[in-house]
Amino acid sequence: MGINQKEIINNIINWAEEKKAENIVCYDVKEKSDYADSIIICHGTNDLHVKAIAENIIDHSKEHKIRLYAVEGLENAKWILLDFIDIIVHVFNETTRDYYKLEELWNINSKNIKELSEKKC
């Protein structure tokens, strides 16, 4: 039996935590999006940190045979997008995250935010 989506989300969050990603949040966007069920957003303190977080997630997903369909932004490491089809991971540097404010773009309120402490999405 394969790994389910909630387990994948928890794994991704744990792999981001391994590299000390900051302000990790996970949003359930099934009702707001037709291209993803969940979005995970986190940031690093600088470009090297951002790249290390993303590469850790990439490496572990390969080890666990979790299909990663696309990676964007790894070269410049300001905003790296990891596309697991139903799960989209955004790894930002802090300045870029503050600039784009994806949380506001999705108009996500406190009712549908799943914080890291809950480990759910």
PDB file of N, CA and C in Angstrom:
ATOM      1  N   MET A   1       0.844  -1.188   0.000  1.00  0.00           N
ATOM      2  CA  MET A   1       0.000   0.000   0.000  1.00  0.00           C
ATOM      3  C   MET A   1       0.885   1.245   0.000  1.00  0.00           C
ATOM      4  N   GLY A   2       0.536   2.227  -0.825  1.00  0.00           N
ATOM      5  CA  GLY A   2       1.321   3.447  -0.935  1.00  0.00           C
ATOM      6  C   GLY A   2       1.077   4.408   0.209  1.00  0.00           C
ATOM      7  N   ILE A   3       1.897   5.403   0.240  1.00  0.00           N
ATOM      8  CA  ILE A   3       1.795   6.432   1.267  1.00  0.00           C
ATOM      9  C   ILE A   3       0.643   7.380   0.907  1.00  0.00           C
ATOM     10  N   ASN A   4      -0.142   7.802   1.904  1.00  0.00           N
ATOM     11  CA  ASN A   4      -1.274   8.684   1.611  1.00  0.00           C
ATOM     12  C   ASN A   4      -0.853  10.157   1.675  1.00  0.00           C
ATOM     13  N   GLN A   5      -1.736  11.015   1.229  1.00  0.00           N
ATOM     14  CA  GLN A   5      -1.414  12.434   1.107  1.00  0.00           C
ATOM     15  C   GLN A   5      -1.058  13.078   2.441  1.00  0.00           C
ATOM     16  N   LYS A   6      -1.775  12.737   3.507  1.00  0.00           N
ATOM     17  CA  LYS A   6      -1.472  13.321   4.821  1.00  0.00           C
ATOM     18  C   LYS A   6      -0.076  12.919   5.294  1.00  0.00           C
ATOM     19  N   GLU A   7       0.307  11.682   5.017  1.00  0.00           N
ATOM     20  CA  GLU A   7       1.654  11.231   5.384  1.00  0.00           C
ATOM     21  C   GLU A   7       2.707  11.973   4.570  1.00  0.00           C
ATOM     22  N   ILE A   8       2.433  12.200   3.301  1.00  0.00           N
ATOM     23  CA  ILE A   8       3.374  12.950   2.467  1.00  0.00           C
ATOM     24  C   ILE A   8       3.533  14.366   3.009  1.00  0.00           C
ATOM     25  N   ILE A   9       2.428  15.004   3.349  1.00  0.00           N
ATOM     26  CA  ILE A   9       2.473  16.366   3.897  1.00  0.00           C
ATOM     27  C   ILE A   9       3.293  16.386   5.187  1.00  0.00           C
ATOM     28  N   ASN A  10       3.030  15.452   6.082  1.00  0.00           N
ATOM     29  CA  ASN A  10       3.789  15.400   7.335  1.00  0.00           C
ATOM     30  C   ASN A  10       5.264  15.163   7.071  1.00  0.00           C
ATOM     31  N   ASN A  11       5.579  14.297   6.098  1.00  0.00           N
ATOM     32  CA  ASN A  11       6.977  14.059   5.750  1.00  0.00           C
ATOM     33  C   ASN A  11       7.637  15.328   5.229  1.00  0.00           C
ATOM     34  N   ILE A  12       6.975  16.023   4.321  1.00  0.00           N
ATOM     35  CA  ILE A  12       7.536  17.256   3.762  1.00  0.00           C
ATOM     36  C   ILE A  12       7.797  18.276   4.862  1.00  0.00           C
ATOM     37  N   ILE A  13       6.845  18.435   5.764  1.00  0.00           N
ATOM     38  CA  ILE A  13       7.027  19.364   6.879  1.00  0.00           C
ATOM     39  C   ILE A  13       8.214  18.936   7.743  1.00  0.00           C
ATOM     40  N   ASN A  14       8.322  17.648   8.031  1.00  0.00           N
ATOM     41  CA  ASN A  14       9.452  17.157   8.827  1.00  0.00           C
ATOM     42  C   ASN A  14      10.779  17.390   8.118  1.00  0.00           C
ATOM     43  N   TRP A  15      10.812  17.171   6.800  1.00  0.00           N
ATOM     44  CA  TRP A  15      12.050  17.383   6.046  1.00  0.00           C
ATOM     45  C   TRP A  15      12.430  18.862   6.012  1.00  0.00           C
ATOM     46  N   ALA A  16      11.447  19.740   5.959  1.00  0.00           N
ATOM     47  CA  ALA A  16      11.729  21.178   6.037  1.00  0.00           C
ATOM     48  C   ALA A  16      12.250  21.538   7.428  1.00  0.00           C
ATOM     49  N   GLU A  17      11.648  20.957   8.454  1.00  0.00           N
ATOM     50  CA  GLU A  17      12.100  21.196   9.833  1.00  0.00           C
ATOM     51  C   GLU A  17      13.540  20.734  10.042  1.00  0.00           C
ATOM     52  N   GLU A  18      13.914  19.621   9.402  1.00  0.00           N
ATOM     53  CA  GLU A  18      15.288  19.105   9.533  1.00  0.00           C
ATOM     54  C   GLU A  18      16.315  20.166   9.166  1.00  0.00           C
ATOM     55  N   LYS A  19      15.976  21.018   8.225  1.00  0.00           N
ATOM     56  CA  LYS A  19      16.890  22.084   7.788  1.00  0.00           C
ATOM     57  C   LYS A  19      16.523  23.430   8.386  1.00  0.00           C
ATOM     58  N   LYS A  20      15.742  23.389   9.456  1.00  0.00           N
ATOM     59  CA  LYS A  20      15.394  24.591  10.233  1.00  0.00           C
ATOM     60  C   LYS A  20      14.609  25.629   9.431  1.00  0.00           C
ATOM     61  N   ALA A  21      13.711  25.164   8.569  1.00  0.00           N
ATOM     62  CA  ALA A  21      12.816  26.088   7.863  1.00  0.00           C
ATOM     63  C   ALA A  21      11.994  26.853   8.897  1.00  0.00           C
ATOM     64  N   GLU A  22      11.666  28.076   8.570  1.00  0.00           N
ATOM     65  CA  GLU A  22      10.940  28.941   9.494  1.00  0.00           C
ATOM     66  C   GLU A  22       9.500  29.165   9.038  1.00  0.00           C
ATOM     67  N   ASN A  23       8.638  29.394  10.028  1.00  0.00           N
ATOM     68  CA  ASN A  23       7.239  29.749   9.804  1.00  0.00           C
ATOM     69  C   ASN A  23       6.571  28.819   8.786  1.00  0.00           C
ATOM     70  N   ILE A  24       6.627  27.531   9.057  1.00  0.00           N
ATOM     71  CA  ILE A  24       6.034  26.538   8.165  1.00  0.00           C
ATOM     72  C   ILE A  24       4.524  26.513   8.399  1.00  0.00           C
ATOM     73  N   VAL A  25       3.789  26.688   7.304  1.00  0.00           N
ATOM     74  CA  VAL A  25       2.340  26.597   7.367  1.00  0.00           C
ATOM     75  C   VAL A  25       1.846  25.701   6.238  1.00  0.00           C
ATOM     76  N   CYS A  26       0.718  25.085   6.469  1.00  0.00           N
ATOM     77  CA  CYS A  26       0.108  24.220   5.469  1.00  0.00           C
ATOM     78  C   CYS A  26      -1.356  24.618   5.341  1.00  0.00           C
ATOM     79  N   TYR A  27      -1.792  24.783   4.104  1.00  0.00           N
ATOM     80  CA  TYR A  27      -3.161  25.196   3.842  1.00  0.00           C
ATOM     81  C   TYR A  27      -3.887  24.126   3.045  1.00  0.00           C
ATOM     82  N   ASP A  28      -5.095  23.855   3.446  1.00  0.00           N
ATOM     83  CA  ASP A  28      -5.982  22.987   2.682  1.00  0.00           C
ATOM     84  C   ASP A  28      -6.727  23.898   1.708  1.00  0.00           C
ATOM     85  N   VAL A  29      -6.451  23.731   0.411  1.00  0.00           N
ATOM     86  CA  VAL A  29      -7.045  24.611  -0.592  1.00  0.00           C
ATOM     87  C   VAL A  29      -7.956  23.853  -1.562  1.00  0.00           C
ATOM     88  N   LYS A  30      -8.424  22.692  -1.144  1.00  0.00           N
ATOM     89  CA  LYS A  30      -9.296  21.889  -2.016  1.00  0.00           C
ATOM     90  C   LYS A  30     -10.493  22.691  -2.513  1.00  0.00           C
ATOM     91  N   GLU A  31     -11.058  23.509  -1.641  1.00  0.00           N
ATOM     92  CA  GLU A  31     -12.249  24.278  -1.995  1.00  0.00           C
ATOM     93  C   GLU A  31     -11.927  25.556  -2.763  1.00  0.00           C
ATOM     94  N   LYS A  32     -10.634  25.924  -2.834  1.00  0.00           N
ATOM     95  CA  LYS A  32     -10.245  27.183  -3.466  1.00  0.00           C
ATOM     96  C   LYS A  32      -9.421  27.000  -4.731  1.00  0.00           C
ATOM     97  N   SER A  33      -8.992  25.786  -5.006  1.00  0.00           N
ATOM     98  CA  SER A  33      -8.082  25.555  -6.122  1.00  0.00           C
ATOM     99  C   SER A  33      -8.495  24.323  -6.915  1.00  0.00           C
ATOM    100  N   ASP A  34      -8.253  24.376  -8.214  1.00  0.00           N
ATOM    101  CA  ASP A  34      -8.499  23.194  -9.026  1.00  0.00           C
ATOM    102  C   ASP A  34      -7.195  22.500  -9.424  1.00  0.00           C
ATOM    103  N   TYR A  35      -6.063  23.014  -8.959  1.00  0.00           N
ATOM    104  CA  TYR A  35      -4.788  22.394  -9.321  1.00  0.00           C
ATOM    105  C   TYR A  35      -4.021  21.801  -8.142  1.00  0.00           C
ATOM    106  N   ALA A  36      -4.468  22.015  -6.929  1.00  0.00           N
ATOM    107  CA  ALA A  36      -3.784  21.445  -5.767  1.00  0.00           C
ATOM    108  C   ALA A  36      -4.770  21.291  -4.621  1.00  0.00           C
ATOM    109  N   ASP A  37      -4.487  20.329  -3.757  1.00  0.00           N
ATOM    110  CA  ASP A  37      -5.297  20.132  -2.551  1.00  0.00           C
ATOM    111  C   ASP A  37      -4.682  20.832  -1.345  1.00  0.00           C
ATOM    112  N   SER A  38      -3.353  20.898  -1.325  1.00  0.00           N
ATOM    113  CA  SER A  38      -2.646  21.468  -0.174  1.00  0.00           C
ATOM    114  C   SER A  38      -1.463  22.296  -0.638  1.00  0.00           C
ATOM    115  N   ILE A  39      -1.198  23.351   0.115  1.00  0.00           N
ATOM    116  CA  ILE A  39      -0.042  24.201  -0.141  1.00  0.00           C
ATOM    117  C   ILE A  39       0.743  24.314   1.157  1.00  0.00           C
ATOM    118  N   ILE A  40       2.041  24.079   1.051  1.00  0.00           N
ATOM    119  CA  ILE A  40       2.940  24.243   2.192  1.00  0.00           C
ATOM    120  C   ILE A  40       3.842  25.428   1.873  1.00  0.00           C
ATOM    121  N   ILE A  41       3.955  26.347   2.822  1.00  0.00           N
ATOM    122  CA  ILE A  41       4.796  27.528   2.646  1.00  0.00           C
ATOM    123  C   ILE A  41       5.755  27.608   3.831  1.00  0.00           C
ATOM    124  N   CYS A  42       7.015  27.896   3.535  1.00  0.00           N
ATOM    125  CA  CYS A  42       8.006  28.121   4.587  1.00  0.00           C
ATOM    126  C   CYS A  42       9.074  29.055   4.035  1.00  0.00           C
ATOM    127  N   HIS A  43       9.990  29.461   4.898  1.00  0.00           N
ATOM    128  CA  HIS A  43      11.098  30.278   4.401  1.00  0.00           C
ATOM    129  C   HIS A  43      12.386  29.965   5.144  1.00  0.00           C
ATOM    130  N   GLY A  44      13.475  30.367   4.486  1.00  0.00           N
ATOM    131  CA  GLY A  44      14.809  30.264   5.070  1.00  0.00           C
ATOM    132  C   GLY A  44      15.363  31.653   5.299  1.00  0.00           C
ATOM    133  N   THR A  45      16.474  31.702   5.981  1.00  0.00           N
ATOM    134  CA  THR A  45      17.044  32.997   6.368  1.00  0.00           C
ATOM    135  C   THR A  45      17.887  33.635   5.269  1.00  0.00           C
ATOM    136  N   ASN A  46      18.370  32.836   4.319  1.00  0.00           N
ATOM    137  CA  ASN A  46      19.143  33.361   3.193  1.00  0.00           C
ATOM    138  C   ASN A  46      19.034  32.371   2.030  1.00  0.00           C
ATOM    139  N   ASP A  47      19.613  32.727   0.899  1.00  0.00           N
ATOM    140  CA  ASP A  47      19.456  31.902  -0.303  1.00  0.00           C
ATOM    141  C   ASP A  47      20.035  30.495  -0.126  1.00  0.00           C
ATOM    142  N   LEU A  48      21.173  30.372   0.529  1.00  0.00           N
ATOM    143  CA  LEU A  48      21.750  29.041   0.771  1.00  0.00           C
ATOM    144  C   LEU A  48      20.848  28.194   1.655  1.00  0.00           C
ATOM    145  N   HIS A  49      20.253  28.822   2.649  1.00  0.00           N
ATOM    146  CA  HIS A  49      19.332  28.123   3.547  1.00  0.00           C
ATOM    147  C   HIS A  49      18.097  27.656   2.775  1.00  0.00           C
ATOM    148  N   VAL A  50      17.556  28.525   1.932  1.00  0.00           N
ATOM    149  CA  VAL A  50      16.388  28.181   1.121  1.00  0.00           C
ATOM    150  C   VAL A  50      16.700  26.980   0.235  1.00  0.00           C
ATOM    151  N   LYS A  51      17.853  27.014  -0.411  1.00  0.00           N
ATOM    152  CA  LYS A  51      18.255  25.919  -1.295  1.00  0.00           C
ATOM    153  C   LYS A  51      18.446  24.625  -0.511  1.00  0.00           C
ATOM    154  N   ALA A  52      19.028  24.714   0.680  1.00  0.00           N
ATOM    155  CA  ALA A  52      19.238  23.525   1.519  1.00  0.00           C
ATOM    156  C   ALA A  52      17.903  22.899   1.933  1.00  0.00           C
ATOM    157  N   ILE A  53      16.929  23.727   2.273  1.00  0.00           N
ATOM    158  CA  ILE A  53      15.595  23.223   2.643  1.00  0.00           C
ATOM    159  C   ILE A  53      14.983  22.477   1.461  1.00  0.00           C
ATOM    160  N   ALA A  54      14.982  23.120   0.297  1.00  0.00           N
ATOM    161  CA  ALA A  54      14.376  22.512  -0.894  1.00  0.00           C
ATOM    162  C   ALA A  54      15.104  21.227  -1.292  1.00  0.00           C
ATOM    163  N   GLU A  55      16.419  21.256  -1.280  1.00  0.00           N
ATOM    164  CA  GLU A  55      17.181  20.063  -1.663  1.00  0.00           C
ATOM    165  C   GLU A  55      16.950  18.913  -0.700  1.00  0.00           C
ATOM    166  N   ASN A  56      16.761  19.212   0.578  1.00  0.00           N
ATOM    167  CA  ASN A  56      16.473  18.163   1.553  1.00  0.00           C
ATOM    168  C   ASN A  56      15.128  17.507   1.256  1.00  0.00           C
ATOM    169  N   ILE A  57      14.135  18.324   0.927  1.00  0.00           N
ATOM    170  CA  ILE A  57      12.817  17.793   0.568  1.00  0.00           C
ATOM    171  C   ILE A  57      12.922  16.956  -0.712  1.00  0.00           C
ATOM    172  N   ILE A  58      13.653  17.457  -1.691  1.00  0.00           N
ATOM    173  CA  ILE A  58      13.836  16.732  -2.959  1.00  0.00           C
ATOM    174  C   ILE A  58      14.519  15.386  -2.720  1.00  0.00           C
ATOM    175  N   ASP A  59      15.614  15.400  -1.972  1.00  0.00           N
ATOM    176  CA  ASP A  59      16.373  14.165  -1.717  1.00  0.00           C
ATOM    177  C   ASP A  59      15.534  13.126  -0.978  1.00  0.00           C
ATOM    178  N   HIS A  60      14.840  13.560   0.060  1.00  0.00           N
ATOM    179  CA  HIS A  60      14.012  12.624   0.832  1.00  0.00           C
ATOM    180  C   HIS A  60      12.831  12.099   0.020  1.00  0.00           C
ATOM    181  N   SER A  61      12.254  12.966  -0.817  1.00  0.00           N
ATOM    182  CA  SER A  61      11.127  12.494  -1.630  1.00  0.00           C
ATOM    183  C   SER A  61      11.589  11.408  -2.602  1.00  0.00           C
ATOM    184  N   LYS A  62      12.790  11.550  -3.137  1.00  0.00           N
ATOM    185  CA  LYS A  62      13.347  10.506  -4.014  1.00  0.00           C
ATOM    186  C   LYS A  62      13.559   9.209  -3.241  1.00  0.00           C
ATOM    187  N   GLU A  63      14.139   9.325  -2.034  1.00  0.00           N
ATOM    188  CA  GLU A  63      14.388   8.139  -1.200  1.00  0.00           C
ATOM    189  C   GLU A  63      13.101   7.394  -0.874  1.00  0.00           C
ATOM    190  N   HIS A  64      12.023   8.144  -0.671  1.00  0.00           N
ATOM    191  CA  HIS A  64      10.733   7.550  -0.301  1.00  0.00           C
ATOM    192  C   HIS A  64       9.842   7.275  -1.517  1.00  0.00           C
ATOM    193  N   LYS A  65      10.419   7.475  -2.706  1.00  0.00           N
ATOM    194  CA  LYS A  65       9.689   7.225  -3.960  1.00  0.00           C
ATOM    195  C   LYS A  65       8.393   8.034  -4.063  1.00  0.00           C
ATOM    196  N   ILE A  66       8.471   9.275  -3.589  1.00  0.00           N
ATOM    197  CA  ILE A  66       7.354  10.214  -3.722  1.00  0.00           C
ATOM    198  C   ILE A  66       7.638  11.042  -4.961  1.00  0.00           C
ATOM    199  N   ARG A  67       6.745  10.982  -5.913  1.00  0.00           N
ATOM    200  CA  ARG A  67       6.982  11.602  -7.214  1.00  0.00           C
ATOM    201  C   ARG A  67       6.917  13.120  -7.134  1.00  0.00           C
ATOM    202  N   LEU A  68       8.019  13.729  -7.498  1.00  0.00           N
ATOM    203  CA  LEU A  68       8.111  15.184  -7.612  1.00  0.00           C
ATOM    204  C   LEU A  68       8.054  15.502  -9.101  1.00  0.00           C
ATOM    205  N   TYR A  69       7.028  16.205  -9.529  1.00  0.00           N
ATOM    206  CA  TYR A  69       6.794  16.435 -10.946  1.00  0.00           C
ATOM    207  C   TYR A  69       7.572  17.618 -11.508  1.00  0.00           C
ATOM    208  N   ALA A  70       7.811  18.641 -10.701  1.00  0.00           N
ATOM    209  CA  ALA A  70       8.530  19.808 -11.209  1.00  0.00           C
ATOM    210  C   ALA A  70       9.185  20.570 -10.061  1.00  0.00           C
ATOM    211  N   VAL A  71      10.309  21.190 -10.404  1.00  0.00           N
ATOM    212  CA  VAL A  71      11.025  22.066  -9.475  1.00  0.00           C
ATOM    213  C   VAL A  71      11.330  23.352 -10.236  1.00  0.00           C
ATOM    214  N   GLU A  72      10.995  24.475  -9.643  1.00  0.00           N
ATOM    215  CA  GLU A  72      11.282  25.776 -10.258  1.00  0.00           C
ATOM    216  C   GLU A  72      12.003  26.655  -9.247  1.00  0.00           C
ATOM    217  N   GLY A  73      12.994  27.420  -9.723  1.00  0.00           N
ATOM    218  CA  GLY A  73      13.647  28.423  -8.893  1.00  0.00           C
ATOM    219  C   GLY A  73      14.845  27.940  -8.100  1.00  0.00           C
ATOM    220  N   LEU A  74      15.265  26.713  -8.295  1.00  0.00           N
ATOM    221  CA  LEU A  74      16.382  26.170  -7.507  1.00  0.00           C
ATOM    222  C   LEU A  74      17.681  26.932  -7.772  1.00  0.00           C
ATOM    223  N   GLU A  75      17.826  27.454  -8.982  1.00  0.00           N
ATOM    224  CA  GLU A  75      19.064  28.148  -9.342  1.00  0.00           C
ATOM    225  C   GLU A  75      19.267  29.447  -8.568  1.00  0.00           C
ATOM    226  N   ASN A  76      18.211  30.247  -8.441  1.00  0.00           N
ATOM    227  CA  ASN A  76      18.390  31.536  -7.771  1.00  0.00           C
ATOM    228  C   ASN A  76      18.017  31.497  -6.287  1.00  0.00           C
ATOM    229  N   ALA A  77      17.222  30.507  -5.884  1.00  0.00           N
ATOM    230  CA  ALA A  77      16.907  30.240  -4.474  1.00  0.00           C
ATOM    231  C   ALA A  77      16.249  31.400  -3.731  1.00  0.00           C
ATOM    232  N   LYS A  78      15.530  32.237  -4.439  1.00  0.00           N
ATOM    233  CA  LYS A  78      14.728  33.282  -3.778  1.00  0.00           C
ATOM    234  C   LYS A  78      13.331  32.738  -3.473  1.00  0.00           C
ATOM    235  N   TRP A  79      12.830  31.920  -4.400  1.00  0.00           N
ATOM    236  CA  TRP A  79      11.512  31.297  -4.276  1.00  0.00           C
ATOM    237  C   TRP A  79      11.586  29.981  -5.035  1.00  0.00           C
ATOM    238  N   ILE A  80      11.554  28.896  -4.324  1.00  0.00           N
ATOM    239  CA  ILE A  80      11.615  27.578  -4.941  1.00  0.00           C
ATOM    240  C   ILE A  80      10.247  26.927  -4.810  1.00  0.00           C
ATOM    241  N   LEU A  81       9.750  26.435  -5.938  1.00  0.00           N
ATOM    242  CA  LEU A  81       8.461  25.770  -5.973  1.00  0.00           C
ATOM    243  C   LEU A  81       8.693  24.292  -6.255  1.00  0.00           C
ATOM    244  N   LEU A  82       8.124  23.437  -5.409  1.00  0.00           N
ATOM    245  CA  LEU A  82       8.179  21.990  -5.587  1.00  0.00           C
ATOM    246  C   LEU A  82       6.765  21.512  -5.849  1.00  0.00           C
ATOM    247  N   ASP A  83       6.560  20.886  -6.992  1.00  0.00           N
ATOM    248  CA  ASP A  83       5.230  20.478  -7.414  1.00  0.00           C
ATOM    249  C   ASP A  83       5.074  18.963  -7.285  1.00  0.00           C
ATOM    250  N   PHE A  84       4.293  18.566  -6.292  1.00  0.00           N
ATOM    251  CA  PHE A  84       3.963  17.158  -6.076  1.00  0.00           C
ATOM    252  C   PHE A  84       2.539  16.877  -6.579  1.00  0.00           C
ATOM    253  N   ILE A  85       2.056  17.676  -7.520  1.00  0.00           N
ATOM    254  CA  ILE A  85       0.726  17.656  -8.129  1.00  0.00           C
ATOM    255  C   ILE A  85      -0.354  18.076  -7.128  1.00  0.00           C
ATOM    256  N   ASP A  86      -0.755  17.216  -6.217  1.00  0.00           N
ATOM    257  CA  ASP A  86      -1.795  17.591  -5.254  1.00  0.00           C
ATOM    258  C   ASP A  86      -1.258  18.441  -4.105  1.00  0.00           C
ATOM    259  N   ILE A  87       0.062  18.468  -3.962  1.00  0.00           N
ATOM    260  CA  ILE A  87       0.717  19.246  -2.905  1.00  0.00           C
ATOM    261  C   ILE A  87       1.743  20.155  -3.572  1.00  0.00           C
ATOM    262  N   ILE A  88       1.633  21.447  -3.299  1.00  0.00           N
ATOM    263  CA  ILE A  88       2.591  22.422  -3.814  1.00  0.00           C
ATOM    264  C   ILE A  88       3.364  22.970  -2.617  1.00  0.00           C
ATOM    265  N   VAL A  89       4.695  22.986  -2.733  1.00  0.00           N
ATOM    266  CA  VAL A  89       5.552  23.493  -1.661  1.00  0.00           C
ATOM    267  C   VAL A  89       6.259  24.743  -2.163  1.00  0.00           C
ATOM    268  N   HIS A  90       6.139  25.821  -1.394  1.00  0.00           N
ATOM    269  CA  HIS A  90       6.834  27.072  -1.687  1.00  0.00           C
ATOM    270  C   HIS A  90       7.879  27.278  -0.599  1.00  0.00           C
ATOM    271  N   VAL A  91       9.147  27.368  -1.007  1.00  0.00           N
ATOM    272  CA  VAL A  91      10.232  27.662  -0.070  1.00  0.00           C
ATOM    273  C   VAL A  91      10.809  29.014  -0.492  1.00  0.00           C
ATOM    274  N   PHE A  92      10.626  29.996   0.358  1.00  0.00           N
ATOM    275  CA  PHE A  92      11.039  31.365   0.068  1.00  0.00           C
ATOM    276  C   PHE A  92      12.248  31.770   0.898  1.00  0.00           C
ATOM    277  N   ASN A  93      12.932  32.852   0.458  1.00  0.00           N
ATOM    278  CA  ASN A  93      13.728  33.580   1.431  1.00  0.00           C
ATOM    279  C   ASN A  93      12.751  34.555   2.083  1.00  0.00           C
ATOM    280  N   GLU A  94      13.073  35.033   3.243  1.00  0.00           N
ATOM    281  CA  GLU A  94      12.103  35.797   4.027  1.00  0.00           C
ATOM    282  C   GLU A  94      11.628  37.062   3.310  1.00  0.00           C
ATOM    283  N   THR A  95      12.539  37.763   2.652  1.00  0.00           N
ATOM    284  CA  THR A  95      12.181  39.000   1.953  1.00  0.00           C
ATOM    285  C   THR A  95      11.186  38.733   0.828  1.00  0.00           C
ATOM    286  N   THR A  96      11.426  37.678   0.060  1.00  0.00           N
ATOM    287  CA  THR A  96      10.539  37.344  -1.049  1.00  0.00           C
ATOM    288  C   THR A  96       9.172  36.912  -0.527  1.00  0.00           C
ATOM    289  N   ARG A  97       9.157  36.151   0.552  1.00  0.00           N
ATOM    290  CA  ARG A  97       7.879  35.737   1.135  1.00  0.00           C
ATOM    291  C   ARG A  97       7.079  36.946   1.594  1.00  0.00           C
ATOM    292  N   ASP A  98       7.747  37.888   2.246  1.00  0.00           N
ATOM    293  CA  ASP A  98       7.064  39.096   2.703  1.00  0.00           C
ATOM    294  C   ASP A  98       6.544  39.929   1.538  1.00  0.00           C
ATOM    295  N   TYR A  99       7.268  39.929   0.438  1.00  0.00           N
ATOM    296  CA  TYR A  99       6.864  40.707  -0.727  1.00  0.00           C
ATOM    297  C   TYR A  99       5.622  40.110  -1.405  1.00  0.00           C
ATOM    298  N   TYR A 100       5.641  38.803  -1.648  1.00  0.00           N
ATOM    299  CA  TYR A 100       4.547  38.178  -2.398  1.00  0.00           C
ATOM    300  C   TYR A 100       3.322  37.840  -1.545  1.00  0.00           C
ATOM    301  N   LYS A 101       3.507  37.615  -0.270  1.00  0.00           N
ATOM    302  CA  LYS A 101       2.393  37.388   0.661  1.00  0.00           C
ATOM    303  C   LYS A 101       1.354  36.408   0.108  1.00  0.00           C
ATOM    304  N   LEU A 102       1.786  35.204  -0.206  1.00  0.00           N
ATOM    305  CA  LEU A 102       0.869  34.211  -0.772  1.00  0.00           C
ATOM    306  C   LEU A 102      -0.337  33.950   0.114  1.00  0.00           C
ATOM    307  N   GLU A 103      -0.133  34.033   1.413  1.00  0.00           N
ATOM    308  CA  GLU A 103      -1.252  33.821   2.322  1.00  0.00           C
ATOM    309  C   GLU A 103      -2.378  34.807   2.043  1.00  0.00           C
ATOM    310  N   GLU A 104      -2.011  36.060   1.752  1.00  0.00           N
ATOM    311  CA  GLU A 104      -3.029  37.068   1.431  1.00  0.00           C
ATOM    312  C   GLU A 104      -3.620  36.829   0.046  1.00  0.00           C
ATOM    313  N   LEU A 105      -2.804  36.389  -0.887  1.00  0.00           N
ATOM    314  CA  LEU A 105      -3.288  36.114  -2.235  1.00  0.00           C
ATOM    315  C   LEU A 105      -4.413  35.090  -2.213  1.00  0.00           C
ATOM    316  N   TRP A 106      -4.248  34.089  -1.386  1.00  0.00           N
ATOM    317  CA  TRP A 106      -5.272  33.045  -1.272  1.00  0.00           C
ATOM    318  C   TRP A 106      -6.434  33.498  -0.401  1.00  0.00           C
ATOM    319  N   ASN A 107      -6.306  34.676   0.220  1.00  0.00           N
ATOM    320  CA  ASN A 107      -7.345  35.185   1.110  1.00  0.00           C
ATOM    321  C   ASN A 107      -7.705  34.132   2.155  1.00  0.00           C
ATOM    322  N   ILE A 108      -6.649  33.602   2.737  1.00  0.00           N
ATOM    323  CA  ILE A 108      -6.825  32.539   3.716  1.00  0.00           C
ATOM    324  C   ILE A 108      -6.972  33.176   5.085  1.00  0.00           C
ATOM    325  N   ASN A 109      -8.038  32.795   5.776  1.00  0.00           N
ATOM    326  CA  ASN A 109      -8.259  33.341   7.104  1.00  0.00           C
ATOM    327  C   ASN A 109      -7.924  32.303   8.168  1.00  0.00           C
ATOM    328  N   SER A 110      -7.994  32.713   9.399  1.00  0.00           N
ATOM    329  CA  SER A 110      -7.574  31.829  10.490  1.00  0.00           C
ATOM    330  C   SER A 110      -8.427  30.571  10.596  1.00  0.00           C
ATOM    331  N   LYS A 111      -9.629  30.589  10.035  1.00  0.00           N
ATOM    332  CA  LYS A 111     -10.503  29.420  10.122  1.00  0.00           C
ATOM    333  C   LYS A 111      -9.956  28.228   9.327  1.00  0.00           C
ATOM    334  N   ASN A 112      -9.289  28.483   8.194  1.00  0.00           N
ATOM    335  CA  ASN A 112      -8.819  27.360   7.398  1.00  0.00           C
ATOM    336  C   ASN A 112      -7.303  27.219   7.371  1.00  0.00           C
ATOM    337  N   ILE A 113      -6.617  27.919   8.245  1.00  0.00           N
ATOM    338  CA  ILE A 113      -5.171  27.748   8.365  1.00  0.00           C
ATOM    339  C   ILE A 113      -4.892  26.559   9.283  1.00  0.00           C
ATOM    340  N   LYS A 114      -4.011  25.702   8.835  1.00  0.00           N
ATOM    341  CA  LYS A 114      -3.557  24.585   9.651  1.00  0.00           C
ATOM    342  C   LYS A 114      -2.102  24.869  10.005  1.00  0.00           C
ATOM    343  N   GLU A 115      -1.846  25.232  11.223  1.00  0.00           N
ATOM    344  CA  GLU A 115      -0.500  25.580  11.638  1.00  0.00           C
ATOM    345  C   GLU A 115       0.348  24.325  11.796  1.00  0.00           C
ATOM    346  N   LEU A 116       1.640  24.541  11.745  1.00  0.00           N
ATOM    347  CA  LEU A 116       2.610  23.453  11.876  1.00  0.00           C
ATOM    348  C   LEU A 116       2.386  22.637  13.124  1.00  0.00           C
ATOM    349  N   SER A 117       2.025  23.284  14.205  1.00  0.00           N
ATOM    350  CA  SER A 117       1.859  22.571  15.465  1.00  0.00           C
ATOM    351  C   SER A 117       0.809  21.477  15.377  1.00  0.00           C
ATOM    352  N   GLU A 118      -0.161  21.640  14.477  1.00  0.00           N
ATOM    353  CA  GLU A 118      -1.192  20.619  14.296  1.00  0.00           C
ATOM    354  C   GLU A 118      -0.721  19.490  13.398  1.00  0.00           C
ATOM    355  N   LYS A 119       0.318  19.734  12.600  1.00  0.00           N
ATOM    356  CA  LYS A 119       0.865  18.744  11.677  1.00  0.00           C
ATOM    357  C   LYS A 119      -0.192  18.163  10.755  1.00  0.00           C
ATOM    358  N   LYS A 120      -1.166  18.953  10.389  1.00  0.00           N
ATOM    359  CA  LYS A 120      -2.228  18.499   9.487  1.00  0.00           C
ATOM    360  C   LYS A 120      -2.378  19.504   8.376  1.00  0.00           C
ATOM    361  N   CYS A 121      -2.999  19.058   7.332  1.00  0.00           N
ATOM    362  CA  CYS A 121      -3.322  19.980   6.251  1.00  0.00           C
ATOM    363  C   CYS A 121      -4.639  19.587   5.673  1.00  0.00           C
TER     364      CYS A 121
END
